[in-house]
Amino acid sequence: MKQKLAKVLVLVAVLFSVSSAASAQIYVKIRPVVPIVVRSERPSPDRVWVDEDWQRNDAGDGYHYSGGHWAAPPSQGQEWRQGHWRHNRHGDRWVEGGWRRRDY
């Protein structure tokens, strides 16, 4: 009985550690400064402006700026949802923007 309980506890520990590692987030104590980007003229009516946007850097320990550009929706009827910073007890975390179906 003790051997079965030990196996179950090990399995639970492994599953817990895998699930927590899979949901790892990058938190920063000081948000990066948004560079000043001059908005150019809209290249076509179907383009939307993607303003402040951040992506994880290659090292996975911070962010780099990727906003300030015109983008076309991947398909008709979609709109850009702006990303935003979310604060909690660990620090600030960037919630990525993305394309979503437009609500009519």
PDB file of N, CA and C in Angstrom:
ATOM      1  N   MET A   1       0.820  -1.191   0.000  1.00  0.00           N
ATOM      2  CA  MET A   1       0.000   0.000   0.000  1.00  0.00           C
ATOM      3  C   MET A   1       0.871   1.266   0.000  1.00  0.00           C
ATOM      4  N   LYS A   2       1.933   1.237   0.835  1.00  0.00           N
ATOM      5  CA  LYS A   2       2.816   2.393   0.905  1.00  0.00           C
ATOM      6  C   LYS A   2       3.528   2.618  -0.414  1.00  0.00           C
ATOM      7  N   GLN A   3       3.848   1.529  -1.093  1.00  0.00           N
ATOM      8  CA  GLN A   3       4.535   1.643  -2.377  1.00  0.00           C
ATOM      9  C   GLN A   3       3.622   2.296  -3.423  1.00  0.00           C
ATOM     10  N   LYS A   4       2.338   1.935  -3.437  1.00  0.00           N
ATOM     11  CA  LYS A   4       1.389   2.544  -4.374  1.00  0.00           C
ATOM     12  C   LYS A   4       1.217   4.029  -4.064  1.00  0.00           C
ATOM     13  N   LEU A   5       1.115   4.359  -2.783  1.00  0.00           N
ATOM     14  CA  LEU A   5       0.954   5.757  -2.390  1.00  0.00           C
ATOM     15  C   LEU A   5       2.184   6.564  -2.808  1.00  0.00           C
ATOM     16  N   ALA A   6       3.347   6.004  -2.632  1.00  0.00           N
ATOM     17  CA  ALA A   6       4.574   6.694  -3.029  1.00  0.00           C
ATOM     18  C   ALA A   6       4.601   6.939  -4.536  1.00  0.00           C
ATOM     19  N   LYS A   7       4.176   5.945  -5.321  1.00  0.00           N
ATOM     20  CA  LYS A   7       4.143   6.102  -6.780  1.00  0.00           C
ATOM     21  C   LYS A   7       3.158   7.196  -7.189  1.00  0.00           C
ATOM     22  N   VAL A   8       2.001   7.221  -6.533  1.00  0.00           N
ATOM     23  CA  VAL A   8       0.994   8.244  -6.840  1.00  0.00           C
ATOM     24  C   VAL A   8       1.539   9.622  -6.501  1.00  0.00           C
ATOM     25  N   LEU A   9       2.189   9.765  -5.356  1.00  0.00           N
ATOM     26  CA  LEU A   9       2.749  11.054  -4.967  1.00  0.00           C
ATOM     27  C   LEU A   9       3.833  11.519  -5.938  1.00  0.00           C
ATOM     28  N   VAL A  10       4.662  10.600  -6.395  1.00  0.00           N
ATOM     29  CA  VAL A  10       5.695  10.952  -7.377  1.00  0.00           C
ATOM     30  C   VAL A  10       5.043  11.391  -8.686  1.00  0.00           C
ATOM     31  N   LEU A  11       4.014  10.676  -9.116  1.00  0.00           N
ATOM     32  CA  LEU A  11       3.307  11.033 -10.344  1.00  0.00           C
ATOM     33  C   LEU A  11       2.676  12.418 -10.221  1.00  0.00           C
ATOM     34  N   VAL A  12       2.045  12.697  -9.101  1.00  0.00           N
ATOM     35  CA  VAL A  12       1.424  14.011  -8.886  1.00  0.00           C
ATOM     36  C   VAL A  12       2.493  15.097  -8.900  1.00  0.00           C
ATOM     37  N   ALA A  13       3.628  14.842  -8.240  1.00  0.00           N
ATOM     38  CA  ALA A  13       4.713  15.832  -8.222  1.00  0.00           C
ATOM     39  C   ALA A  13       5.240  16.105  -9.628  1.00  0.00           C
ATOM     40  N   VAL A  14       5.407  15.058 -10.422  1.00  0.00           N
ATOM     41  CA  VAL A  14       5.896  15.227 -11.796  1.00  0.00           C
ATOM     42  C   VAL A  14       4.887  16.012 -12.627  1.00  0.00           C
ATOM     43  N   LEU A  15       3.624  15.653 -12.533  1.00  0.00           N
ATOM     44  CA  LEU A  15       2.592  16.364 -13.298  1.00  0.00           C
ATOM     45  C   LEU A  15       2.510  17.824 -12.891  1.00  0.00           C
ATOM     46  N   PHE A  16       2.605  18.083 -11.600  1.00  0.00           N
ATOM     47  CA  PHE A  16       2.542  19.466 -11.118  1.00  0.00           C
ATOM     48  C   PHE A  16       3.732  20.268 -11.637  1.00  0.00           C
ATOM     49  N   SER A  17       4.932  19.688 -11.572  1.00  0.00           N
ATOM     50  CA  SER A  17       6.112  20.430 -12.027  1.00  0.00           C
ATOM     51  C   SER A  17       6.075  20.673 -13.525  1.00  0.00           C
ATOM     52  N   VAL A  18       5.588  19.715 -14.299  1.00  0.00           N
ATOM     53  CA  VAL A  18       5.488  19.898 -15.753  1.00  0.00           C
ATOM     54  C   VAL A  18       4.470  20.970 -16.087  1.00  0.00           C
ATOM     55  N   SER A  19       3.316  20.960 -15.419  1.00  0.00           N
ATOM     56  CA  SER A  19       2.285  21.948 -15.734  1.00  0.00           C
ATOM     57  C   SER A  19       2.711  23.343 -15.316  1.00  0.00           C
ATOM     58  N   SER A  20       3.437  23.480 -14.214  1.00  0.00           N
ATOM     59  CA  SER A  20       3.875  24.813 -13.809  1.00  0.00           C
ATOM     60  C   SER A  20       4.985  25.322 -14.718  1.00  0.00           C
ATOM     61  N   ALA A  21       5.839  24.442 -15.224  1.00  0.00           N
ATOM     62  CA  ALA A  21       6.898  24.864 -16.137  1.00  0.00           C
ATOM     63  C   ALA A  21       6.319  25.268 -17.484  1.00  0.00           C
ATOM     64  N   ALA A  22       5.273  24.610 -17.914  1.00  0.00           N
ATOM     65  CA  ALA A  22       4.675  24.911 -19.210  1.00  0.00           C
ATOM     66  C   ALA A  22       4.004  26.279 -19.209  1.00  0.00           C
ATOM     67  N   SER A  23       3.586  26.760 -18.045  1.00  0.00           N
ATOM     68  CA  SER A  23       2.908  28.044 -17.985  1.00  0.00           C
ATOM     69  C   SER A  23       3.824  29.146 -17.472  1.00  0.00           C
ATOM     70  N   ALA A  24       5.127  28.966 -17.588  1.00  0.00           N
ATOM     71  CA  ALA A  24       6.084  29.962 -17.108  1.00  0.00           C
ATOM     72  C   ALA A  24       5.887  31.274 -17.860  1.00  0.00           C
ATOM     73  N   GLN A  25       5.997  32.359 -17.127  1.00  0.00           N
ATOM     74  CA  GLN A  25       5.826  33.687 -17.692  1.00  0.00           C
ATOM     75  C   GLN A  25       7.083  34.495 -17.408  1.00  0.00           C
ATOM     76  N   ILE A  26       7.285  35.539 -18.190  1.00  0.00           N
ATOM     77  CA  ILE A  26       8.381  36.463 -17.939  1.00  0.00           C
ATOM     78  C   ILE A  26       7.803  37.671 -17.216  1.00  0.00           C
ATOM     79  N   TYR A  27       8.315  37.944 -16.038  1.00  0.00           N
ATOM     80  CA  TYR A  27       7.897  39.113 -15.272  1.00  0.00           C
ATOM     81  C   TYR A  27       9.055  40.092 -15.202  1.00  0.00           C
ATOM     82  N   VAL A  28       8.743  41.367 -15.291  1.00  0.00           N
ATOM     83  CA  VAL A  28       9.754  42.405 -15.164  1.00  0.00           C
ATOM     84  C   VAL A  28       9.370  43.310 -14.003  1.00  0.00           C
ATOM     85  N   LYS A  29      10.359  43.823 -13.315  1.00  0.00           N
ATOM     86  CA  LYS A  29      10.106  44.740 -12.194  1.00  0.00           C
ATOM     87  C   LYS A  29       9.910  46.169 -12.700  1.00  0.00           C
ATOM     88  N   ILE A  30      10.596  46.500 -13.794  1.00  0.00           N
ATOM     89  CA  ILE A  30      10.444  47.821 -14.404  1.00  0.00           C
ATOM     90  C   ILE A  30      10.075  47.613 -15.864  1.00  0.00           C
ATOM     91  N   ARG A  31       8.948  48.171 -16.258  1.00  0.00           N
ATOM     92  CA  ARG A  31       8.509  48.019 -17.651  1.00  0.00           C
ATOM     93  C   ARG A  31       9.477  48.722 -18.593  1.00  0.00           C
ATOM     94  N   PRO A  32       9.725  48.127 -19.761  1.00  0.00           N
ATOM     95  CA  PRO A  32      10.593  48.794 -20.736  1.00  0.00           C
ATOM     96  C   PRO A  32       9.946  50.084 -21.239  1.00  0.00           C
ATOM     97  N   VAL A  33      10.778  51.010 -21.647  1.00  0.00           N
ATOM     98  CA  VAL A  33      10.297  52.289 -22.169  1.00  0.00           C
ATOM     99  C   VAL A  33       9.847  52.101 -23.611  1.00  0.00           C
ATOM    100  N   VAL A  34       8.677  52.632 -23.925  1.00  0.00           N
ATOM    101  CA  VAL A  34       8.152  52.545 -25.288  1.00  0.00           C
ATOM    102  C   VAL A  34       8.853  53.594 -26.146  1.00  0.00           C
ATOM    103  N   PRO A  35       9.485  53.180 -27.234  1.00  0.00           N
ATOM    104  CA  PRO A  35      10.133  54.174 -28.097  1.00  0.00           C
ATOM    105  C   PRO A  35       9.091  55.042 -28.805  1.00  0.00           C
ATOM    106  N   ILE A  36       9.500  56.230 -29.165  1.00  0.00           N
ATOM    107  CA  ILE A  36       8.619  57.120 -29.914  1.00  0.00           C
ATOM    108  C   ILE A  36       8.665  56.692 -31.376  1.00  0.00           C
ATOM    109  N   VAL A  37       7.498  56.366 -31.914  1.00  0.00           N
ATOM    110  CA  VAL A  37       7.408  55.930 -33.307  1.00  0.00           C
ATOM    111  C   VAL A  37       6.446  56.876 -34.024  1.00  0.00           C
ATOM    112  N   VAL A  38       6.910  57.447 -35.116  1.00  0.00           N
ATOM    113  CA  VAL A  38       6.065  58.336 -35.907  1.00  0.00           C
ATOM    114  C   VAL A  38       5.215  57.480 -36.837  1.00  0.00           C
ATOM    115  N   ARG A  39       3.908  57.637 -36.730  1.00  0.00           N
ATOM    116  CA  ARG A  39       2.997  56.857 -37.561  1.00  0.00           C
ATOM    117  C   ARG A  39       3.027  57.377 -38.987  1.00  0.00           C
ATOM    118  N   SER A  40       3.388  56.525 -39.894  1.00  0.00           N
ATOM    119  CA  SER A  40       3.419  56.901 -41.306  1.00  0.00           C
ATOM    120  C   SER A  40       1.996  56.895 -41.864  1.00  0.00           C
ATOM    121  N   GLU A  41       1.880  57.346 -43.091  1.00  0.00           N
ATOM    122  CA  GLU A  41       0.575  57.352 -43.739  1.00  0.00           C
ATOM    123  C   GLU A  41       0.104  55.919 -43.955  1.00  0.00           C
ATOM    124  N   ARG A  42      -1.181  55.692 -43.788  1.00  0.00           N
ATOM    125  CA  ARG A  42      -1.748  54.347 -43.964  1.00  0.00           C
ATOM    126  C   ARG A  42      -1.537  53.899 -45.403  1.00  0.00           C
ATOM    127  N   PRO A  43      -0.879  52.741 -45.589  1.00  0.00           N
ATOM    128  CA  PRO A  43      -0.566  52.290 -46.946  1.00  0.00           C
ATOM    129  C   PRO A  43      -1.784  51.832 -47.740  1.00  0.00           C
ATOM    130  N   SER A  44      -2.823  51.350 -47.068  1.00  0.00           N
ATOM    131  CA  SER A  44      -4.063  50.947 -47.753  1.00  0.00           C
ATOM    132  C   SER A  44      -5.183  50.894 -46.719  1.00  0.00           C
ATOM    133  N   PRO A  45      -6.436  50.965 -47.169  1.00  0.00           N
ATOM    134  CA  PRO A  45      -7.561  51.000 -46.240  1.00  0.00           C
ATOM    135  C   PRO A  45      -7.706  49.760 -45.349  1.00  0.00           C
ATOM    136  N   ASP A  46      -7.138  48.631 -45.778  1.00  0.00           N
ATOM    137  CA  ASP A  46      -7.297  47.406 -44.985  1.00  0.00           C
ATOM    138  C   ASP A  46      -6.249  47.271 -43.874  1.00  0.00           C
ATOM    139  N   ARG A  47      -5.292  48.179 -43.799  1.00  0.00           N
ATOM    140  CA  ARG A  47      -4.234  48.101 -42.788  1.00  0.00           C
ATOM    141  C   ARG A  47      -4.679  48.754 -41.483  1.00  0.00           C
ATOM    142  N   VAL A  48      -4.226  48.182 -40.364  1.00  0.00           N
ATOM    143  CA  VAL A  48      -4.492  48.754 -39.051  1.00  0.00           C
ATOM    144  C   VAL A  48      -3.153  49.006 -38.354  1.00  0.00           C
ATOM    145  N   TRP A  49      -3.146  50.007 -37.490  1.00  0.00           N
ATOM    146  CA  TRP A  49      -1.928  50.370 -36.790  1.00  0.00           C
ATOM    147  C   TRP A  49      -1.754  49.494 -35.553  1.00  0.00           C
ATOM    148  N   VAL A  50      -0.616  48.841 -35.460  1.00  0.00           N
ATOM    149  CA  VAL A  50      -0.259  48.051 -34.280  1.00  0.00           C
ATOM    150  C   VAL A  50       0.682  48.925 -33.468  1.00  0.00           C
ATOM    151  N   ASP A  51       0.165  49.444 -32.371  1.00  0.00           N
ATOM    152  CA  ASP A  51       0.931  50.380 -31.554  1.00  0.00           C
ATOM    153  C   ASP A  51       1.837  49.605 -30.605  1.00  0.00           C
ATOM    154  N   GLU A  52       1.842  49.934 -29.344  1.00  0.00           N
ATOM    155  CA  GLU A  52       2.742  49.269 -28.394  1.00  0.00           C
ATOM    156  C   GLU A  52       2.556  47.757 -28.447  1.00  0.00           C
ATOM    157  N   ASP A  53       3.642  47.049 -28.720  1.00  0.00           N
ATOM    158  CA  ASP A  53       3.610  45.592 -28.776  1.00  0.00           C
ATOM    159  C   ASP A  53       4.996  45.087 -28.406  1.00  0.00           C
ATOM    160  N   TRP A  54       5.052  44.074 -27.576  1.00  0.00           N
ATOM    161  CA  TRP A  54       6.316  43.536 -27.087  1.00  0.00           C
ATOM    162  C   TRP A  54       6.352  42.036 -27.331  1.00  0.00           C
ATOM    163  N   GLN A  55       7.525  41.513 -27.648  1.00  0.00           N
ATOM    164  CA  GLN A  55       7.715  40.074 -27.821  1.00  0.00           C
ATOM    165  C   GLN A  55       8.862  39.634 -26.935  1.00  0.00           C
ATOM    166  N   ARG A  56       8.794  38.380 -26.485  1.00  0.00           N
ATOM    167  CA  ARG A  56       9.885  37.850 -25.670  1.00  0.00           C
ATOM    168  C   ARG A  56      11.178  37.862 -26.474  1.00  0.00           C
ATOM    169  N   ASN A  57      12.276  38.209 -25.820  1.00  0.00           N
ATOM    170  CA  ASN A  57      13.552  38.184 -26.535  1.00  0.00           C
ATOM    171  C   ASN A  57      14.047  36.746 -26.657  1.00  0.00           C
ATOM    172  N   ASP A  58      15.065  36.548 -27.455  1.00  0.00           N
ATOM    173  CA  ASP A  58      15.565  35.194 -27.731  1.00  0.00           C
ATOM    174  C   ASP A  58      16.061  34.475 -26.486  1.00  0.00           C
ATOM    175  N   ALA A  59      16.590  35.227 -25.526  1.00  0.00           N
ATOM    176  CA  ALA A  59      17.091  34.607 -24.295  1.00  0.00           C
ATOM    177  C   ALA A  59      15.941  34.186 -23.374  1.00  0.00           C
ATOM    178  N   GLY A  60      14.739  34.724 -23.632  1.00  0.00           N
ATOM    179  CA  GLY A  60      13.584  34.359 -22.807  1.00  0.00           C
ATOM    180  C   GLY A  60      13.561  35.017 -21.450  1.00  0.00           C
ATOM    181  N   ASP A  61      14.342  36.098 -21.273  1.00  0.00           N
ATOM    182  CA  ASP A  61      14.376  36.742 -19.968  1.00  0.00           C
ATOM    183  C   ASP A  61      13.912  38.193 -20.010  1.00  0.00           C
ATOM    184  N   GLY A  62      13.306  38.603 -21.097  1.00  0.00           N
ATOM    185  CA  GLY A  62      12.837  39.975 -21.224  1.00  0.00           C
ATOM    186  C   GLY A  62      12.060  40.155 -22.517  1.00  0.00           C
ATOM    187  N   TYR A  63      11.859  41.409 -22.898  1.00  0.00           N
ATOM    188  CA  TYR A  63      11.052  41.733 -24.063  1.00  0.00           C
ATOM    189  C   TYR A  63      11.799  42.670 -24.995  1.00  0.00           C
ATOM    190  N   HIS A  64      11.420  42.649 -26.265  1.00  0.00           N
ATOM    191  CA  HIS A  64      11.880  43.661 -27.203  1.00  0.00           C
ATOM    192  C   HIS A  64      10.655  44.250 -27.897  1.00  0.00           C
ATOM    193  N   TYR A  65      10.773  45.510 -28.289  1.00  0.00           N
ATOM    194  CA  TYR A  65       9.661  46.241 -28.888  1.00  0.00           C
ATOM    195  C   TYR A  65       9.447  45.794 -30.319  1.00  0.00           C
ATOM    196  N   SER A  66       8.195  45.532 -30.668  1.00  0.00           N
ATOM    197  CA  SER A  66       7.898  45.128 -32.044  1.00  0.00           C
ATOM    198  C   SER A  66       6.694  45.873 -32.604  1.00  0.00           C
ATOM    199  N   GLY A  67       6.268  46.922 -31.927  1.00  0.00           N
ATOM    200  CA  GLY A  67       5.099  47.671 -32.373  1.00  0.00           C
ATOM    201  C   GLY A  67       5.469  48.777 -33.339  1.00  0.00           C
ATOM    202  N   GLY A  68       4.512  49.669 -33.546  1.00  0.00           N
ATOM    203  CA  GLY A  68       4.739  50.806 -34.416  1.00  0.00           C
ATOM    204  C   GLY A  68       4.783  50.468 -35.880  1.00  0.00           C
ATOM    205  N   HIS A  69       3.779  49.703 -36.351  1.00  0.00           N
ATOM    206  CA  HIS A  69       3.759  49.362 -37.773  1.00  0.00           C
ATOM    207  C   HIS A  69       2.325  49.105 -38.241  1.00  0.00           C
ATOM    208  N   TRP A  70       2.141  49.174 -39.551  1.00  0.00           N
ATOM    209  CA  TRP A  70       0.860  48.862 -40.162  1.00  0.00           C
ATOM    210  C   TRP A  70       0.818  47.366 -40.457  1.00  0.00           C
ATOM    211  N   ALA A  71      -0.331  46.751 -40.222  1.00  0.00           N
ATOM    212  CA  ALA A  71      -0.471  45.314 -40.485  1.00  0.00           C
ATOM    213  C   ALA A  71      -1.827  45.031 -41.115  1.00  0.00           C
ATOM    214  N   ALA A  72      -1.858  44.006 -41.937  1.00  0.00           N
ATOM    215  CA  ALA A  72      -3.110  43.575 -42.565  1.00  0.00           C
ATOM    216  C   ALA A  72      -3.670  42.393 -41.786  1.00  0.00           C
ATOM    217  N   PRO A  73      -4.985  42.366 -41.575  1.00  0.00           N
ATOM    218  CA  PRO A  73      -5.584  41.219 -40.891  1.00  0.00           C
ATOM    219  C   PRO A  73      -5.303  39.932 -41.660  1.00  0.00           C
ATOM    220  N   PRO A  74      -5.133  38.805 -40.957  1.00  0.00           N
ATOM    221  CA  PRO A  74      -4.870  37.543 -41.646  1.00  0.00           C
ATOM    222  C   PRO A  74      -6.054  37.059 -42.473  1.00  0.00           C
ATOM    223  N   SER A  75      -7.258  37.504 -42.122  1.00  0.00           N
ATOM    224  CA  SER A  75      -8.441  37.179 -42.922  1.00  0.00           C
ATOM    225  C   SER A  75      -9.488  38.268 -42.719  1.00  0.00           C
ATOM    226  N   GLN A  76     -10.414  38.330 -43.634  1.00  0.00           N
ATOM    227  CA  GLN A  76     -11.444  39.360 -43.591  1.00  0.00           C
ATOM    228  C   GLN A  76     -12.314  39.198 -42.343  1.00  0.00           C
ATOM    229  N   GLY A  77     -12.739  40.324 -41.764  1.00  0.00           N
ATOM    230  CA  GLY A  77     -13.607  40.291 -40.598  1.00  0.00           C
ATOM    231  C   GLY A  77     -12.866  40.186 -39.279  1.00  0.00           C
ATOM    232  N   GLN A  78     -11.549  40.386 -39.308  1.00  0.00           N
ATOM    233  CA  GLN A  78     -10.789  40.338 -38.060  1.00  0.00           C
ATOM    234  C   GLN A  78     -10.283  41.729 -37.709  1.00  0.00           C
ATOM    235  N   GLU A  79     -10.098  41.960 -36.399  1.00  0.00           N
ATOM    236  CA  GLU A  79      -9.576  43.232 -35.919  1.00  0.00           C
ATOM    237  C   GLU A  79      -8.422  42.969 -34.956  1.00  0.00           C
ATOM    238  N   TRP A  80      -7.577  43.966 -34.792  1.00  0.00           N
ATOM    239  CA  TRP A  80      -6.432  43.842 -33.902  1.00  0.00           C
ATOM    240  C   TRP A  80      -6.847  44.171 -32.470  1.00  0.00           C
ATOM    241  N   ARG A  81      -6.532  43.289 -31.554  1.00  0.00           N
ATOM    242  CA  ARG A  81      -6.754  43.529 -30.120  1.00  0.00           C
ATOM    243  C   ARG A  81      -5.404  43.922 -29.537  1.00  0.00           C
ATOM    244  N   GLN A  82      -5.324  45.140 -29.028  1.00  0.00           N
ATOM    245  CA  GLN A  82      -4.078  45.686 -28.513  1.00  0.00           C
ATOM    246  C   GLN A  82      -3.599  44.907 -27.286  1.00  0.00           C
ATOM    247  N   GLY A  83      -2.305  44.659 -27.203  1.00  0.00           N
ATOM    248  CA  GLY A  83      -1.724  44.021 -26.028  1.00  0.00           C
ATOM    249  C   GLY A  83      -1.690  44.996 -24.857  1.00  0.00           C
ATOM    250  N   HIS A  84      -1.395  44.493 -23.671  1.00  0.00           N
ATOM    251  CA  HIS A  84      -1.337  45.352 -22.492  1.00  0.00           C
ATOM    252  C   HIS A  84      -0.481  44.704 -21.402  1.00  0.00           C
ATOM    253  N   TRP A  85      -0.041  45.533 -20.478  1.00  0.00           N
ATOM    254  CA  TRP A  85       0.727  45.041 -19.338  1.00  0.00           C
ATOM    255  C   TRP A  85      -0.238  44.654 -18.238  1.00  0.00           C
ATOM    256  N   ARG A  86       0.049  43.523 -17.585  1.00  0.00           N
ATOM    257  CA  ARG A  86      -0.759  43.071 -16.445  1.00  0.00           C
ATOM    258  C   ARG A  86       0.173  42.972 -15.243  1.00  0.00           C
ATOM    259  N   HIS A  87      -0.261  43.569 -14.150  1.00  0.00           N
ATOM    260  CA  HIS A  87       0.564  43.599 -12.938  1.00  0.00           C
ATOM    261  C   HIS A  87       0.036  42.607 -11.911  1.00  0.00           C
ATOM    262  N   ASN A  88       0.949  41.916 -11.239  1.00  0.00           N
ATOM    263  CA  ASN A  88       0.586  41.102 -10.082  1.00  0.00           C
ATOM    264  C   ASN A  88       1.749  41.136  -9.098  1.00  0.00           C
ATOM    265  N   ARG A  89       1.715  40.306  -8.097  1.00  0.00           N
ATOM    266  CA  ARG A  89       2.728  40.366  -7.039  1.00  0.00           C
ATOM    267  C   ARG A  89       4.138  40.026  -7.534  1.00  0.00           C
ATOM    268  N   HIS A  90       4.262  39.370  -8.676  1.00  0.00           N
ATOM    269  CA  HIS A  90       5.571  39.023  -9.231  1.00  0.00           C
ATOM    270  C   HIS A  90       6.199  40.166 -10.021  1.00  0.00           C
ATOM    271  N   GLY A  91       5.379  41.086 -10.485  1.00  0.00           N
ATOM    272  CA  GLY A  91       5.857  42.185 -11.327  1.00  0.00           C
ATOM    273  C   GLY A  91       4.874  42.411 -12.462  1.00  0.00           C
ATOM    274  N   ASP A  92       5.381  42.879 -13.585  1.00  0.00           N
ATOM    275  CA  ASP A  92       4.548  43.147 -14.758  1.00  0.00           C
ATOM    276  C   ASP A  92       4.819  42.110 -15.827  1.00  0.00           C
ATOM    277  N   ARG A  93       3.750  41.708 -16.504  1.00  0.00           N
ATOM    278  CA  ARG A  93       3.833  40.707 -17.566  1.00  0.00           C
ATOM    279  C   ARG A  93       3.077  41.239 -18.775  1.00  0.00           C
ATOM    280  N   TRP A  94       3.664  41.099 -19.952  1.00  0.00           N
ATOM    281  CA  TRP A  94       3.013  41.552 -21.180  1.00  0.00           C
ATOM    282  C   TRP A  94       2.010  40.508 -21.648  1.00  0.00           C
ATOM    283  N   VAL A  95       0.785  40.948 -21.885  1.00  0.00           N
ATOM    284  CA  VAL A  95      -0.247  40.093 -22.470  1.00  0.00           C
ATOM    285  C   VAL A  95      -0.315  40.461 -23.943  1.00  0.00           C
ATOM    286  N   GLU A  96       0.060  39.516 -24.784  1.00  0.00           N
ATOM    287  CA  GLU A  96       0.178  39.799 -26.214  1.00  0.00           C
ATOM    288  C   GLU A  96      -1.150  40.182 -26.848  1.00  0.00           C
ATOM    289  N   GLY A  97      -1.068  41.102 -27.786  1.00  0.00           N
ATOM    290  CA  GLY A  97      -2.229  41.435 -28.595  1.00  0.00           C
ATOM    291  C   GLY A  97      -2.400  40.364 -29.666  1.00  0.00           C
ATOM    292  N   GLY A  98      -3.449  40.486 -30.424  1.00  0.00           N
ATOM    293  CA  GLY A  98      -3.646  39.504 -31.481  1.00  0.00           C
ATOM    294  C   GLY A  98      -4.882  39.807 -32.301  1.00  0.00           C
ATOM    295  N   TRP A  99      -5.055  39.051 -33.331  1.00  0.00           N
ATOM    296  CA  TRP A  99      -6.207  39.207 -34.220  1.00  0.00           C
ATOM    297  C   TRP A  99      -7.375  38.401 -33.672  1.00  0.00           C
ATOM    298  N   ARG A 100      -8.573  38.967 -33.771  1.00  0.00           N
ATOM    299  CA  ARG A 100      -9.785  38.248 -33.351  1.00  0.00           C
ATOM    300  C   ARG A 100     -10.927  38.619 -34.282  1.00  0.00           C
ATOM    301  N   ARG A 101     -11.942  37.772 -34.283  1.00  0.00           N
ATOM    302  CA  ARG A 101     -13.115  38.038 -35.115  1.00  0.00           C
ATOM    303  C   ARG A 101     -13.802  39.286 -34.632  1.00  0.00           C
ATOM    304  N   ARG A 102     -14.156  40.126 -35.566  1.00  0.00           N
ATOM    305  CA  ARG A 102     -14.845  41.368 -35.244  1.00  0.00           C
ATOM    306  C   ARG A 102     -16.282  41.066 -34.825  1.00  0.00           C
ATOM    307  N   ASP A 103     -16.720  41.677 -33.740  1.00  0.00           N
ATOM    308  CA  ASP A 103     -18.116  41.536 -33.293  1.00  0.00           C
ATOM    309  C   ASP A 103     -18.972  42.554 -34.020  1.00  0.00           C
ATOM    310  N   TYR A 104     -19.952  42.064 -34.713  1.00  0.00           N
ATOM    311  CA  TYR A 104     -20.820  42.986 -35.462  1.00  0.00           C
ATOM    312  C   TYR A 104     -22.072  43.256 -34.685  1.00  0.00           C
TER     313      TYR A 104
END
